[in-house]
Amino acid sequence: MKITAILLAAGQGTRMKSSLPKVLHPVAGKPMIWHALQAIRQSTTETPVVVVGHGAGEVTQYLGDSAQTVLQEPQLGTGHAVMQAEALLKGKTDLVVVCYADMPLLRGDTLQKLVDTQKQNKGPISMLTVIADDPRGFGRIIRKDDGTVNAIVEEYVATPEQLQVKELNVGGYCFDANWLWDALHRIPQNPKKGEYYLTDAVELASAAGLPVHATVMDDVEETIGVNTRVHLSEVEAAMRRRINQAHMLNGVTMIDPASVYIEADVKIGRDTVMMPNTYLFGATEIGEGNVIGPNTIIRNSKVGNGCKVLSSDLEGAWLEDDVDMGPFARLRKGAHLGNHVHMGNFGEVKDSHLADGVKMGHFSYIGNAQIGSGTNIGAGTITCNYDGEKKHPTEIGEDVFIGSDTMLVAPLKIGAGARTGAGAVVTKNVPEDTLVVGMPARAIRKLERKPKKK
């Protein structure tokens, strides 16, 4: 059976007061429409169709080849919007799922239940409803004596008795495709607004004696649609709770989940502890057994196992295992810290590799550098990598000792086992096992390197 989703995304979203199309506003780091597409993929078999209108170019560009798009111009209601997909889908699908792109909390499991209901339905429509005290402007569900749906009554035309009904129309439908295309052309134009509403298809089916079934949703939060920035904040909070709960159920500890922000694509291994005021953004991957935070921000970075990251900022960085860093350390794009690296407070690394066992003191800056294993970078060390026009590399070998406040003027190579005195300004390459001091640094003597402890 072929099942295709139509996602309605043509609305202007004027109450958002934004130049960005409403469905591209982010929730947990991803546009609302991304969440909607993730949900519908679970219950459909074909490439979805997205109905675009306002901001059509931006939305289409974002979607790329993840969906087909059709333009609704002018926007004459939800029934008219679905009709725009007829030319693409007529005769090519068995069931059509219709939902809104501004409902990012709607789960794939819920849509699967909707599709399963329609597969068992001898009538042409199944729909999602919810029981709630707060109607949020949704239409009321009027049922027949046999439990099937008779009509959807919009709030602005409902009688006082109908307004007391607590079962609400969510805006998710599954149609028999062959019936749908004919029914859309029979939907009457609303006399007040001049539009064609998809909800009227329910009355068409009911009047013809065809059963309309409803799947009642358990989670009211799934039904929140976004029309204002207030709604957006509600959805964001709900999504954050959902994401955090999923990580905790998978073995992640959160001391205070309400103060931890994790975006949708982030991966976290078990036995990792997330401390308060920690933020994980983008395509970040955190391994097992780490302690992250408090007061830590990590963007598009990879953290191995057994690391401790205290009050630090990482962006585009890679930590291998058992790294200890912070507080107030910063890793910028291209920073790569090997196993058992220690990085002190107020240090910064960019476009550099610190090999296994490197110890980097506080108040140091390492940029465009390769640091050999076992090397000690003293406090206040600076790689002077930028000459005003170009950036230059620094190469430091294994088991080097860089004294505090050393200035390393790139391009520069320091051989294995070398040492610099405190406050040295190194402008020339340093051979292996050599001590240099002064400003500019000069060689004092060759050093006898101690054998490594086994």
Protein backbone atom coordinates (compact mmCIF):
# COMPACT_ATOMS: atom_id res chain seq x y z
CA MET A 1 0.00 0.00 0.00
CA LYS A 2 1.32 3.41 -0.98
CA ILE A 3 0.96 6.12 1.68
CA THR A 4 1.87 9.75 1.00
CA ALA A 5 1.87 12.76 3.33
CA ILE A 6 0.80 16.26 2.41
CA LEU A 7 2.30 18.84 4.72
CA LEU A 8 0.57 22.22 4.82
CA ALA A 9 3.14 25.04 4.98
CA ALA A 10 1.69 27.88 2.91
CA GLY A 11 0.48 30.20 5.68
CA GLN A 12 2.05 33.61 6.17
CA GLY A 13 2.28 33.44 9.94
CA THR A 14 1.63 37.16 10.38
CA ARG A 15 1.34 36.87 14.15
CA MET A 16 4.95 35.71 14.32
CA LYS A 17 5.94 39.23 13.19
CA SER A 18 8.95 37.87 11.33
CA SER A 19 10.59 38.07 7.91
CA LEU A 20 11.42 34.35 8.24
CA PRO A 21 8.72 31.94 7.01
CA LYS A 22 6.96 30.53 10.06
CA VAL A 23 7.80 26.88 9.39
CA LEU A 24 11.53 27.70 9.25
CA HIS A 25 11.63 29.02 12.81
CA PRO A 26 13.81 26.63 14.82
CA VAL A 27 12.70 24.32 17.60
CA ALA A 28 15.53 22.50 19.40
CA GLY A 29 17.91 23.67 16.70
CA LYS A 30 15.87 22.46 13.72
CA PRO A 31 13.15 24.24 11.69
CA MET A 32 9.61 23.31 12.65
CA ILE A 33 9.11 21.71 9.26
CA TRP A 34 12.08 19.40 9.89
CA HIS A 35 10.33 17.95 12.93
CA ALA A 36 7.12 17.52 10.96
CA LEU A 37 8.96 15.67 8.19
CA GLN A 38 10.67 13.39 10.73
CA ALA A 39 7.27 12.45 12.14
CA ILE A 40 5.54 11.70 8.84
CA ARG A 41 8.35 9.52 7.53
CA GLN A 42 7.52 6.87 10.14
CA SER A 43 4.02 6.25 8.78
CA THR A 44 4.37 6.89 5.03
CA THR A 45 6.02 5.11 2.14
CA GLU A 46 6.38 7.83 -0.49
CA THR A 47 8.19 11.17 -0.80
CA PRO A 48 6.06 13.78 1.01
CA VAL A 49 4.43 16.74 -0.70
CA VAL A 50 4.74 20.14 0.96
CA VAL A 51 2.25 22.86 0.05
CA VAL A 52 4.11 26.18 0.07
CA GLY A 53 2.94 29.76 -0.30
CA HIS A 54 4.39 32.68 1.63
CA GLY A 55 8.17 32.38 1.64
CA ALA A 56 7.88 29.57 -0.91
CA GLY A 57 11.39 30.10 -2.25
CA GLU A 58 13.06 29.88 1.15
CA VAL A 59 11.03 26.85 2.22
CA THR A 60 11.64 25.04 -1.07
CA GLN A 61 15.35 25.75 -0.89
CA TYR A 62 15.52 24.37 2.64
CA LEU A 63 13.62 21.21 1.69
CA GLY A 64 15.87 20.35 -1.26
CA ASP A 65 15.12 16.83 -2.44
CA SER A 66 13.59 15.75 0.90
CA ALA A 67 10.10 16.61 -0.40
CA GLN A 68 8.13 17.60 -3.45
CA THR A 69 6.61 21.07 -3.29
CA VAL A 70 3.47 22.58 -4.79
CA LEU A 71 2.56 26.26 -4.70
CA GLN A 72 -0.76 27.46 -3.30
CA GLU A 73 -1.42 30.84 -4.82
CA PRO A 74 -3.65 32.45 -3.74
CA GLN A 75 -4.19 30.88 -0.30
CA LEU A 76 -7.88 29.94 -0.20
CA GLY A 77 -8.01 27.65 2.82
CA THR A 78 -6.89 24.16 3.80
CA GLY A 79 -9.14 22.30 1.36
CA HIS A 80 -7.78 24.42 -1.48
CA ALA A 81 -4.23 23.75 -0.23
CA VAL A 82 -4.62 19.98 -0.36
CA MET A 83 -6.18 20.28 -3.82
CA GLN A 84 -2.87 21.65 -5.13
CA ALA A 85 -1.33 18.19 -4.67
CA GLU A 86 -3.96 16.41 -6.78
CA ALA A 87 -2.01 16.62 -10.02
CA LEU A 88 1.04 15.05 -8.35
CA LEU A 89 -0.70 12.30 -6.42
CA LYS A 90 -3.93 11.32 -8.15
CA GLY A 91 -3.75 7.66 -9.13
CA LYS A 92 -0.29 7.28 -7.50
CA THR A 93 -1.11 6.66 -3.83
CA ASP A 94 -3.65 4.74 -1.77
CA LEU A 95 -3.76 6.81 1.41
CA VAL A 96 -3.05 10.48 2.00
CA VAL A 97 -1.94 11.78 5.39
CA VAL A 98 -2.51 15.52 5.87
CA CYS A 99 -1.00 17.52 8.72
CA TYR A 100 0.46 20.94 9.45
CA ALA A 101 4.11 21.95 9.30
CA ASP A 102 3.69 24.24 12.31
CA MET A 103 2.98 21.34 14.72
CA PRO A 104 6.52 20.16 15.47
CA LEU A 105 5.55 18.15 18.57
CA LEU A 106 3.35 15.69 16.66
CA ARG A 107 5.00 12.27 17.03
CA GLY A 108 5.57 9.67 14.37
CA ASP A 109 3.95 7.05 16.60
CA THR A 110 0.77 9.12 16.72
CA LEU A 111 0.61 9.40 12.93
CA GLN A 112 1.22 5.67 12.65
CA LYS A 113 -1.83 5.04 14.86
CA LEU A 114 -3.82 7.34 12.59
CA VAL A 115 -2.77 5.41 9.49
CA ASP A 116 -3.50 2.07 11.19
CA THR A 117 -6.98 3.35 12.07
CA GLN A 118 -7.69 4.28 8.45
CA LYS A 119 -6.45 0.91 7.20
CA GLN A 120 -9.23 -0.68 9.27
CA ASN A 121 -11.80 1.98 8.38
CA LYS A 122 -14.37 1.16 5.71
CA GLY A 123 -15.02 4.89 5.36
CA PRO A 124 -12.82 7.50 3.66
CA ILE A 125 -11.47 9.48 6.64
CA SER A 126 -9.74 8.94 9.96
CA MET A 127 -8.63 11.88 12.06
CA LEU A 128 -6.77 12.85 15.22
CA THR A 129 -8.60 14.33 18.19
CA VAL A 130 -7.71 15.20 21.77
CA ILE A 131 -9.64 15.62 25.02
CA ALA A 132 -8.63 18.91 26.64
CA ASP A 133 -10.02 21.60 28.94
CA ASP A 134 -8.29 24.39 27.01
CA PRO A 135 -9.76 24.40 23.47
CA ARG A 136 -6.98 26.66 22.05
CA GLY A 137 -9.40 27.71 19.29
CA PHE A 138 -9.76 24.17 17.91
CA GLY A 139 -13.00 22.94 16.35
CA ARG A 140 -15.30 20.73 18.43
CA ILE A 141 -15.88 17.09 17.50
CA ILE A 142 -19.55 16.15 17.25
CA ARG A 143 -20.04 12.38 17.28
CA LYS A 144 -22.91 10.17 16.20
CA ASP A 145 -24.56 7.65 18.50
CA ASP A 146 -22.37 4.89 17.05
CA GLY A 147 -19.19 6.78 18.04
CA THR A 148 -18.15 7.86 14.57
CA VAL A 149 -17.62 11.54 13.81
CA ASN A 150 -20.57 13.48 12.49
CA ALA A 151 -19.04 16.94 12.09
CA ILE A 152 -16.33 19.38 13.13
CA VAL A 153 -17.81 22.64 14.39
CA GLU A 154 -15.43 25.59 14.36
CA GLU A 155 -15.32 27.64 17.52
CA TYR A 156 -16.57 30.87 15.96
CA VAL A 157 -19.85 29.26 14.81
CA ALA A 158 -20.37 26.80 17.70
CA THR A 159 -23.45 27.02 19.90
CA PRO A 160 -23.03 27.39 23.68
CA GLU A 161 -23.80 23.68 24.03
CA GLN A 162 -21.22 22.72 21.41
CA LEU A 163 -18.60 24.92 23.09
CA GLN A 164 -18.83 22.65 26.14
CA VAL A 165 -17.54 19.70 24.11
CA LYS A 166 -13.99 18.83 25.21
CA GLU A 167 -13.03 16.64 22.26
CA LEU A 168 -11.13 18.82 19.83
CA ASN A 169 -9.97 18.57 16.24
CA VAL A 170 -6.16 18.42 16.14
CA GLY A 171 -5.70 18.87 12.40
CA GLY A 172 -4.27 15.51 11.40
CA TYR A 173 -6.11 13.36 8.85
CA CYS A 174 -5.73 10.19 6.83
CA PHE A 175 -7.85 9.91 3.67
CA ASP A 176 -8.68 7.29 1.14
CA ALA A 177 -6.99 8.93 -1.81
CA ASN A 178 -9.54 8.08 -4.49
CA TRP A 179 -12.38 9.51 -2.40
CA LEU A 180 -10.39 12.60 -1.41
CA TRP A 181 -9.75 14.07 -4.85
CA ASP A 182 -13.44 14.02 -5.77
CA ALA A 183 -14.52 15.32 -2.35
CA LEU A 184 -12.19 18.32 -2.50
CA HIS A 185 -14.07 19.61 -5.53
CA ARG A 186 -17.37 19.31 -3.64
CA ILE A 187 -16.30 21.31 -0.57
CA PRO A 188 -18.44 24.48 -0.44
CA GLN A 189 -16.84 27.91 -0.27
CA ASN A 190 -17.15 29.45 3.19
CA PRO A 191 -19.52 32.42 2.79
CA LYS A 192 -17.75 34.56 5.41
CA LYS A 193 -14.13 34.09 4.39
CA GLY A 194 -14.41 32.84 0.83
CA GLU A 195 -12.17 29.86 1.58
CA TYR A 196 -12.46 26.09 1.29
CA TYR A 197 -11.93 24.18 4.51
CA LEU A 198 -10.66 20.62 4.67
CA THR A 199 -12.77 20.02 7.78
CA ASP A 200 -15.90 20.18 5.61
CA ALA A 201 -14.81 16.89 4.03
CA VAL A 202 -15.91 15.22 7.28
CA GLU A 203 -19.47 16.42 6.80
CA LEU A 204 -19.43 15.29 3.17
CA ALA A 205 -18.50 11.77 4.27
CA SER A 206 -20.97 11.74 7.15
CA ALA A 207 -23.83 12.99 4.97
CA ALA A 208 -23.12 10.15 2.55
CA GLY A 209 -23.34 7.62 5.39
CA LEU A 210 -19.61 6.89 5.27
CA PRO A 211 -17.94 6.37 8.66
CA VAL A 212 -15.36 8.88 9.90
CA HIS A 213 -13.19 7.45 12.68
CA ALA A 214 -11.21 9.39 15.26
CA THR A 215 -8.02 8.42 17.08
CA VAL A 216 -7.89 10.16 20.45
CA MET A 217 -4.39 11.32 21.35
CA ASP A 218 -2.95 10.80 24.83
CA ASP A 219 -0.52 13.72 24.93
CA VAL A 220 -2.08 17.18 24.70
CA GLU A 221 1.36 18.76 24.16
CA GLU A 222 1.58 17.12 20.74
CA THR A 223 -1.30 19.27 19.56
CA ILE A 224 0.38 22.65 20.16
CA GLY A 225 0.54 24.58 16.92
CA VAL A 226 2.73 27.64 16.51
CA ASN A 227 1.07 30.91 15.57
CA THR A 228 2.93 33.35 17.82
CA ARG A 229 6.31 33.61 19.54
CA VAL A 230 4.55 32.64 22.76
CA HIS A 231 3.46 29.37 21.16
CA LEU A 232 7.01 28.91 19.87
CA SER A 233 8.37 29.18 23.40
CA GLU A 234 5.80 26.63 24.62
CA VAL A 235 6.81 24.20 21.90
CA GLU A 236 10.50 24.76 22.61
CA ALA A 237 10.02 23.99 26.32
CA ALA A 238 8.00 20.87 25.54
CA MET A 239 10.55 19.64 23.01
CA ARG A 240 13.39 20.21 25.46
CA ARG A 241 11.59 18.11 28.09
CA ARG A 242 10.99 15.38 25.53
CA ILE A 243 14.62 15.32 24.38
CA ASN A 244 15.98 15.34 27.92
CA GLN A 245 13.66 12.57 29.03
CA ALA A 246 14.75 10.41 26.10
CA HIS A 247 18.42 10.85 27.02
CA MET A 248 17.75 10.07 30.67
CA LEU A 249 15.85 6.92 29.74
CA ASN A 250 18.93 5.94 27.70
CA GLY A 251 21.23 6.19 30.72
CA VAL A 252 22.25 9.86 30.91
CA THR A 253 22.13 11.59 34.30
CA MET A 254 20.87 15.16 34.53
CA ILE A 255 21.22 16.89 37.88
CA ASP A 256 18.63 19.52 36.90
CA PRO A 257 16.95 18.69 33.58
CA ALA A 258 15.13 22.01 33.48
CA SER A 259 18.46 23.85 33.15
CA VAL A 260 19.95 21.60 30.44
CA TYR A 261 19.38 22.48 26.77
CA ILE A 262 20.05 19.77 24.18
CA GLU A 263 19.26 20.14 20.49
CA ALA A 264 17.59 17.47 18.41
CA ASP A 265 20.64 15.95 16.68
CA VAL A 266 22.85 15.60 19.77
CA LYS A 267 24.00 12.11 20.80
CA ILE A 268 25.03 11.26 24.38
CA GLY A 269 26.42 7.97 25.73
CA ARG A 270 25.29 6.29 28.92
CA ASP A 271 26.66 7.16 32.36
CA THR A 272 27.46 10.68 31.23
CA VAL A 273 26.43 13.33 33.76
CA MET A 274 24.99 16.60 32.51
CA MET A 275 25.41 19.36 35.08
CA PRO A 276 23.14 22.45 35.25
CA ASN A 277 23.36 25.28 32.71
CA THR A 278 24.83 23.06 30.01
CA TYR A 279 24.00 23.63 26.35
CA LEU A 280 24.64 21.12 23.55
CA PHE A 281 24.08 22.37 20.02
CA GLY A 282 24.17 21.02 16.47
CA ALA A 283 25.81 17.72 15.50
CA THR A 284 27.46 17.20 18.88
CA GLU A 285 28.39 13.69 20.04
CA ILE A 286 29.20 12.95 23.68
CA GLY A 287 30.58 9.55 24.65
CA GLU A 288 30.15 7.53 27.83
CA GLY A 289 31.08 8.30 31.42
CA ASN A 290 31.71 12.02 30.99
CA VAL A 291 30.94 14.92 33.31
CA ILE A 292 29.81 17.93 31.28
CA GLY A 293 29.32 21.28 33.01
CA PRO A 294 28.11 23.11 34.86
CA ASN A 295 27.99 26.24 32.70
CA THR A 296 29.32 24.58 29.54
CA ILE A 297 28.47 25.25 25.88
CA ILE A 298 29.34 22.67 23.22
CA ARG A 299 28.60 23.20 19.51
CA ASN A 300 29.19 20.71 16.69
CA SER A 301 31.88 18.90 18.64
CA LYS A 302 32.83 15.35 19.54
CA VAL A 303 33.72 14.28 23.08
CA GLY A 304 35.07 10.82 23.79
CA ASN A 305 34.72 8.81 27.00
CA GLY A 306 35.63 9.67 30.57
CA CYS A 307 36.15 13.40 29.97
CA LYS A 308 35.53 16.26 32.39
CA VAL A 309 34.54 19.57 30.83
CA LEU A 310 33.97 22.27 33.44
CA SER A 311 32.51 25.69 32.61
CA SER A 312 33.99 25.72 29.12
CA ASP A 313 33.10 26.61 25.52
CA LEU A 314 33.70 24.17 22.63
CA GLU A 315 32.94 24.74 18.94
CA GLY A 316 33.99 22.42 16.13
CA ALA A 317 36.34 20.56 18.48
CA TRP A 318 37.29 16.94 19.12
CA LEU A 319 38.18 15.52 22.52
CA GLU A 320 39.45 11.97 22.74
CA ASP A 321 39.21 9.98 25.98
CA ASP A 322 39.93 11.10 29.56
CA VAL A 323 40.42 14.78 28.72
CA ASP A 324 40.22 17.17 31.66
CA MET A 325 39.58 20.82 30.87
CA GLY A 326 38.39 24.04 32.46
CA PRO A 327 37.08 26.01 34.05
CA PHE A 328 36.70 28.77 31.46
CA ALA A 329 38.61 26.97 28.72
CA ARG A 330 37.79 27.54 25.08
CA LEU A 331 38.19 25.22 22.12
CA ARG A 332 37.62 26.78 18.72
CA LYS A 333 37.19 25.19 15.30
CA GLY A 334 39.79 22.54 14.53
CA ALA A 335 40.91 21.97 18.12
CA HIS A 336 41.80 18.31 18.71
CA LEU A 337 42.79 17.11 22.18
CA GLY A 338 44.23 13.62 22.48
CA ASN A 339 43.83 11.10 25.28
CA HIS A 340 44.57 12.27 28.84
CA VAL A 341 45.15 15.88 27.81
CA HIS A 342 44.80 18.42 30.60
CA MET A 343 43.84 21.99 29.71
CA GLY A 344 43.83 24.62 32.44
CA ASN A 345 41.54 27.54 33.06
CA PHE A 346 41.31 30.42 30.60
CA GLY A 347 43.21 28.49 27.91
CA GLU A 348 42.30 28.62 24.24
CA VAL A 349 43.06 26.25 21.37
CA LYS A 350 42.27 26.72 17.67
CA ASP A 351 43.20 24.63 14.61
CA SER A 352 45.67 22.62 16.68
CA HIS A 353 46.32 19.06 17.79
CA LEU A 354 47.47 18.36 21.33
CA ALA A 355 48.68 14.75 21.33
CA ASP A 356 48.19 12.26 24.15
CA GLY A 357 49.22 13.37 27.61
CA VAL A 358 49.86 17.03 26.82
CA LYS A 359 49.40 19.37 29.75
CA MET A 360 48.47 22.92 28.84
CA GLY A 361 48.65 25.51 31.60
CA HIS A 362 46.17 28.28 32.24
CA PHE A 363 46.05 31.58 30.36
CA SER A 364 47.67 30.02 27.26
CA TYR A 365 46.78 30.30 23.58
CA ILE A 366 47.66 27.57 21.07
CA GLY A 367 46.80 28.23 17.42
CA ASN A 368 47.80 26.46 14.18
CA ALA A 369 50.04 24.11 16.16
CA GLN A 370 50.95 20.45 16.45
CA ILE A 371 52.01 19.51 19.99
CA GLY A 372 53.76 16.19 20.60
CA SER A 373 52.74 13.73 23.29
CA GLY A 374 53.88 14.27 26.86
CA THR A 375 54.68 17.95 26.31
CA ASN A 376 54.04 20.53 29.03
CA ILE A 377 52.78 23.95 27.96
CA GLY A 378 53.43 26.41 30.78
CA ALA A 379 50.97 29.05 31.92
CA GLY A 380 50.77 32.13 29.74
CA THR A 381 52.31 30.50 26.66
CA ILE A 382 51.31 32.08 23.34
CA THR A 383 51.79 30.78 19.82
CA CYS A 384 52.28 34.00 17.85
CA ASN A 385 50.81 32.53 14.68
CA TYR A 386 49.54 35.62 12.84
CA ASP A 387 51.84 38.18 11.23
CA GLY A 388 49.08 40.53 10.14
CA GLU A 389 48.59 38.86 6.76
CA LYS A 390 48.98 35.09 7.14
CA LYS A 391 48.82 32.48 9.84
CA HIS A 392 51.87 30.27 10.36
CA PRO A 393 52.31 26.84 11.98
CA THR A 394 54.12 25.84 15.15
CA GLU A 395 55.44 22.29 15.59
CA ILE A 396 56.46 21.10 19.03
CA GLY A 397 57.89 17.62 19.49
CA GLU A 398 57.35 15.06 22.23
CA ASP A 399 58.31 15.59 25.87
CA VAL A 400 59.01 19.30 25.42
CA PHE A 401 58.79 21.68 28.38
CA ILE A 402 57.59 25.16 27.49
CA GLY A 403 58.22 27.57 30.34
CA SER A 404 55.62 30.01 31.57
CA ASP A 405 55.04 33.15 29.49
CA THR A 406 56.93 31.80 26.48
CA MET A 407 56.20 33.52 23.16
CA LEU A 408 56.51 31.09 20.24
CA VAL A 409 56.83 33.19 17.07
CA ALA A 410 55.67 31.11 14.11
CA PRO A 411 56.64 29.59 11.77
CA LEU A 412 58.57 27.57 14.30
CA LYS A 413 59.74 24.03 15.09
CA ILE A 414 60.82 22.88 18.52
CA GLY A 415 62.49 19.50 18.69
CA ALA A 416 61.63 16.66 21.04
CA GLY A 417 62.92 17.01 24.58
CA ALA A 418 63.68 20.73 24.26
CA ARG A 419 62.97 23.30 26.99
CA THR A 420 62.30 27.01 27.04
CA GLY A 421 62.95 29.25 30.00
CA ALA A 422 60.18 31.33 31.53
CA GLY A 423 59.51 34.48 29.52
CA ALA A 424 61.49 33.32 26.47
CA VAL A 425 60.66 34.77 23.06
CA VAL A 426 61.46 31.98 20.59
CA THR A 427 61.92 33.20 17.01
CA LYS A 428 64.12 30.42 15.58
CA ASN A 429 63.81 26.65 15.39
CA VAL A 430 65.04 24.81 18.48
CA PRO A 431 66.92 21.51 18.04
CA GLU A 432 66.05 18.43 20.06
CA ASP A 433 67.11 18.32 23.71
CA THR A 434 68.12 21.97 23.77
CA LEU A 435 67.43 24.61 26.43
CA VAL A 436 66.72 28.13 25.17
CA VAL A 437 66.20 31.27 27.27
CA GLY A 438 65.96 35.01 26.91
CA MET A 439 64.50 37.53 24.47
CA PRO A 440 65.13 36.61 21.75
CA ALA A 441 65.79 33.12 23.02
CA ARG A 442 69.31 31.70 22.71
CA ALA A 443 70.59 28.19 23.26
CA ILE A 444 72.28 27.57 26.64
CA ARG A 445 73.16 23.90 26.54
CA LYS A 446 72.15 20.47 25.34
CA LEU A 447 69.95 18.54 27.72
CA GLU A 448 70.10 14.95 28.79
CA ARG A 449 66.63 13.56 28.27
CA LYS A 450 65.32 11.33 31.03
CA PRO A 451 63.93 7.97 29.95
CA LYS A 452 60.15 7.68 30.05
CA LYS A 453 58.64 5.81 32.97
CA LYS A 454 57.16 2.49 31.95
